[in-house]
Amino acid sequence: MRRVVQADRVRYLRDDARGLSELEVEARRARHGANDIVETAPSGWRDVLRDTVKDPMLWFLAATSALFAVVGDYGEAAIMVDAQSETIDIVVRRKG
């Protein structure tokens, strides 16, 4: 994934491996702020449901399950339904 980097930040980059001095660290913190990781708020059940429905693997498994049921292979259809439930479980756990 490519990100656009602001031009004023690129000029600070160096090729040497010495790292930043304490003065440079403090100057960058004053200019750009601390390098804190901001945690995302937990998603509500509606967000989880929306993301689950948008998962293409779920639709692929649903179509495959329906196809197996149409041709009369109910055992394989049941396995595909189980795979769907596993996919839903993965999406729900990922979204938290």
C-alpha atoms as a PDB file:
ATOM      1  CA  MET A   1       0.000   0.000   0.000  1.00  0.00           C
ATOM      2  CA  ARG A   2       1.344   3.392  -0.937  1.00  0.00           C
ATOM      3  CA  ARG A   3       0.866   6.477   1.179  1.00  0.00           C
ATOM      4  CA  VAL A   4       1.390  10.087   0.312  1.00  0.00           C
ATOM      5  CA  VAL A   5       4.095  11.637   2.465  1.00  0.00           C
ATOM      6  CA  GLN A   6       4.126  15.363   3.027  1.00  0.00           C
ATOM      7  CA  ALA A   7       7.110  17.087   1.434  1.00  0.00           C
ATOM      8  CA  ASP A   8       8.181  18.800   4.668  1.00  0.00           C
ATOM      9  CA  ARG A   9       8.632  15.390   6.323  1.00  0.00           C
ATOM     10  CA  VAL A  10      10.729  13.910   3.526  1.00  0.00           C
ATOM     11  CA  ARG A  11      13.468  16.506   3.883  1.00  0.00           C
ATOM     12  CA  TYR A  12      14.246  15.168   7.381  1.00  0.00           C
ATOM     13  CA  LEU A  13      15.027  11.672   6.108  1.00  0.00           C
ATOM     14  CA  ARG A  14      18.620  10.556   6.176  1.00  0.00           C
ATOM     15  CA  ASP A  15      20.572   7.688   4.736  1.00  0.00           C
ATOM     16  CA  ASP A  16      22.827   7.156   7.734  1.00  0.00           C
ATOM     17  CA  ALA A  17      21.999   4.668  10.482  1.00  0.00           C
ATOM     18  CA  ARG A  18      22.891   6.799  13.489  1.00  0.00           C
ATOM     19  CA  GLY A  19      19.331   7.689  14.452  1.00  0.00           C
ATOM     20  CA  LEU A  20      18.068  10.958  15.885  1.00  0.00           C
ATOM     21  CA  SER A  21      19.694  13.007  18.589  1.00  0.00           C
ATOM     22  CA  GLU A  22      17.665  13.921  21.662  1.00  0.00           C
ATOM     23  CA  LEU A  23      17.347  17.479  20.368  1.00  0.00           C
ATOM     24  CA  GLU A  24      15.959  16.227  17.035  1.00  0.00           C
ATOM     25  CA  VAL A  25      13.513  13.935  18.824  1.00  0.00           C
ATOM     26  CA  GLU A  26      12.169  16.765  20.960  1.00  0.00           C
ATOM     27  CA  ALA A  27      11.913  19.081  17.940  1.00  0.00           C
ATOM     28  CA  ARG A  28       9.911  16.495  15.998  1.00  0.00           C
ATOM     29  CA  ARG A  29       7.638  15.776  18.949  1.00  0.00           C
ATOM     30  CA  ALA A  30       6.967  19.480  19.312  1.00  0.00           C
ATOM     31  CA  ARG A  31       6.195  19.813  15.607  1.00  0.00           C
ATOM     32  CA  HIS A  32       4.296  16.569  14.892  1.00  0.00           C
ATOM     33  CA  GLY A  33       3.185  15.338  18.322  1.00  0.00           C
ATOM     34  CA  ALA A  34       3.900  12.071  20.108  1.00  0.00           C
ATOM     35  CA  ASN A  35       3.925   8.836  18.155  1.00  0.00           C
ATOM     36  CA  ASP A  36       0.987   7.314  20.006  1.00  0.00           C
ATOM     37  CA  ILE A  37      -1.182   4.555  18.585  1.00  0.00           C
ATOM     38  CA  VAL A  38      -4.822   5.531  18.775  1.00  0.00           C
ATOM     39  CA  GLU A  39      -7.070   2.601  19.498  1.00  0.00           C
ATOM     40  CA  THR A  40     -10.338   2.391  17.611  1.00  0.00           C
ATOM     41  CA  ALA A  41     -13.585   2.198  19.473  1.00  0.00           C
ATOM     42  CA  PRO A  42     -15.319  -1.183  19.421  1.00  0.00           C
ATOM     43  CA  SER A  43     -17.809  -1.562  16.606  1.00  0.00           C
ATOM     44  CA  GLY A  44     -21.502  -1.924  17.259  1.00  0.00           C
ATOM     45  CA  TRP A  45     -23.450  -4.957  16.109  1.00  0.00           C
ATOM     46  CA  ARG A  46     -24.803  -3.037  13.104  1.00  0.00           C
ATOM     47  CA  ASP A  47     -21.275  -2.302  11.875  1.00  0.00           C
ATOM     48  CA  VAL A  48     -20.326  -5.943  12.334  1.00  0.00           C
ATOM     49  CA  LEU A  49     -23.440  -7.082  10.469  1.00  0.00           C
ATOM     50  CA  ARG A  50     -22.762  -4.662   7.611  1.00  0.00           C
ATOM     51  CA  ASP A  51     -19.152  -5.811   7.289  1.00  0.00           C
ATOM     52  CA  THR A  52     -20.203  -9.452   7.438  1.00  0.00           C
ATOM     53  CA  VAL A  53     -22.716  -9.015   4.634  1.00  0.00           C
ATOM     54  CA  LYS A  54     -20.064  -7.236   2.528  1.00  0.00           C
ATOM     55  CA  ASP A  55     -17.619 -10.151   2.800  1.00  0.00           C
ATOM     56  CA  PRO A  56     -17.306 -11.755  -0.665  1.00  0.00           C
ATOM     57  CA  MET A  57     -16.262 -15.128   0.765  1.00  0.00           C
ATOM     58  CA  LEU A  58     -19.612 -15.376   2.514  1.00  0.00           C
ATOM     59  CA  TRP A  59     -21.446 -14.887  -0.788  1.00  0.00           C
ATOM     60  CA  PHE A  60     -19.204 -17.386  -2.567  1.00  0.00           C
ATOM     61  CA  LEU A  61     -19.892 -20.006   0.100  1.00  0.00           C
ATOM     62  CA  ALA A  62     -23.628 -19.272  -0.007  1.00  0.00           C
ATOM     63  CA  ALA A  63     -23.716 -19.746  -3.784  1.00  0.00           C
ATOM     64  CA  THR A  64     -21.682 -22.938  -3.556  1.00  0.00           C
ATOM     65  CA  SER A  65     -23.926 -24.276  -0.817  1.00  0.00           C
ATOM     66  CA  ALA A  66     -27.037 -23.493  -2.858  1.00  0.00           C
ATOM     67  CA  LEU A  67     -25.537 -25.189  -5.908  1.00  0.00           C
ATOM     68  CA  PHE A  68     -24.773 -28.341  -3.936  1.00  0.00           C
ATOM     69  CA  ALA A  69     -28.318 -28.337  -2.535  1.00  0.00           C
ATOM     70  CA  VAL A  70     -29.812 -27.935  -6.033  1.00  0.00           C
ATOM     71  CA  VAL A  71     -27.884 -30.922  -7.381  1.00  0.00           C
ATOM     72  CA  GLY A  72     -28.924 -32.984  -4.360  1.00  0.00           C
ATOM     73  CA  ASP A  73     -25.584 -33.239  -2.562  1.00  0.00           C
ATOM     74  CA  TYR A  74     -26.905 -32.255   0.840  1.00  0.00           C
ATOM     75  CA  GLY A  75     -23.792 -33.386   2.714  1.00  0.00           C
ATOM     76  CA  GLU A  76     -21.592 -30.976   0.771  1.00  0.00           C
ATOM     77  CA  ALA A  77     -24.228 -28.260   1.132  1.00  0.00           C
ATOM     78  CA  ALA A  78     -24.107 -28.738   4.917  1.00  0.00           C
ATOM     79  CA  ILE A  79     -20.315 -28.500   4.868  1.00  0.00           C
ATOM     80  CA  MET A  80     -20.567 -25.214   2.942  1.00  0.00           C
ATOM     81  CA  VAL A  81     -23.084 -23.868   5.469  1.00  0.00           C
ATOM     82  CA  ASP A  82     -20.623 -24.779   8.219  1.00  0.00           C
ATOM     83  CA  ALA A  83     -17.885 -22.931   6.309  1.00  0.00           C
ATOM     84  CA  GLN A  84     -20.204 -19.924   6.109  1.00  0.00           C
ATOM     85  CA  SER A  85     -20.664 -19.959   9.871  1.00  0.00           C
ATOM     86  CA  GLU A  86     -16.882 -20.099  10.299  1.00  0.00           C
ATOM     87  CA  THR A  87     -16.471 -17.137   7.954  1.00  0.00           C
ATOM     88  CA  ILE A  88     -19.059 -15.162   9.903  1.00  0.00           C
ATOM     89  CA  ASP A  89     -17.269 -16.060  13.135  1.00  0.00           C
ATOM     90  CA  ILE A  90     -13.961 -14.791  11.730  1.00  0.00           C
ATOM     91  CA  VAL A  91     -15.502 -11.477  10.655  1.00  0.00           C
ATOM     92  CA  VAL A  92     -17.223 -10.989  14.014  1.00  0.00           C
ATOM     93  CA  ARG A  93     -14.046 -11.751  15.969  1.00  0.00           C
ATOM     94  CA  ARG A  94     -11.963  -9.487  13.728  1.00  0.00           C
ATOM     95  CA  LYS A  95     -14.351  -6.575  14.269  1.00  0.00           C
ATOM     96  CA  GLY A  96     -14.505  -7.242  17.976  1.00  0.00           C
END
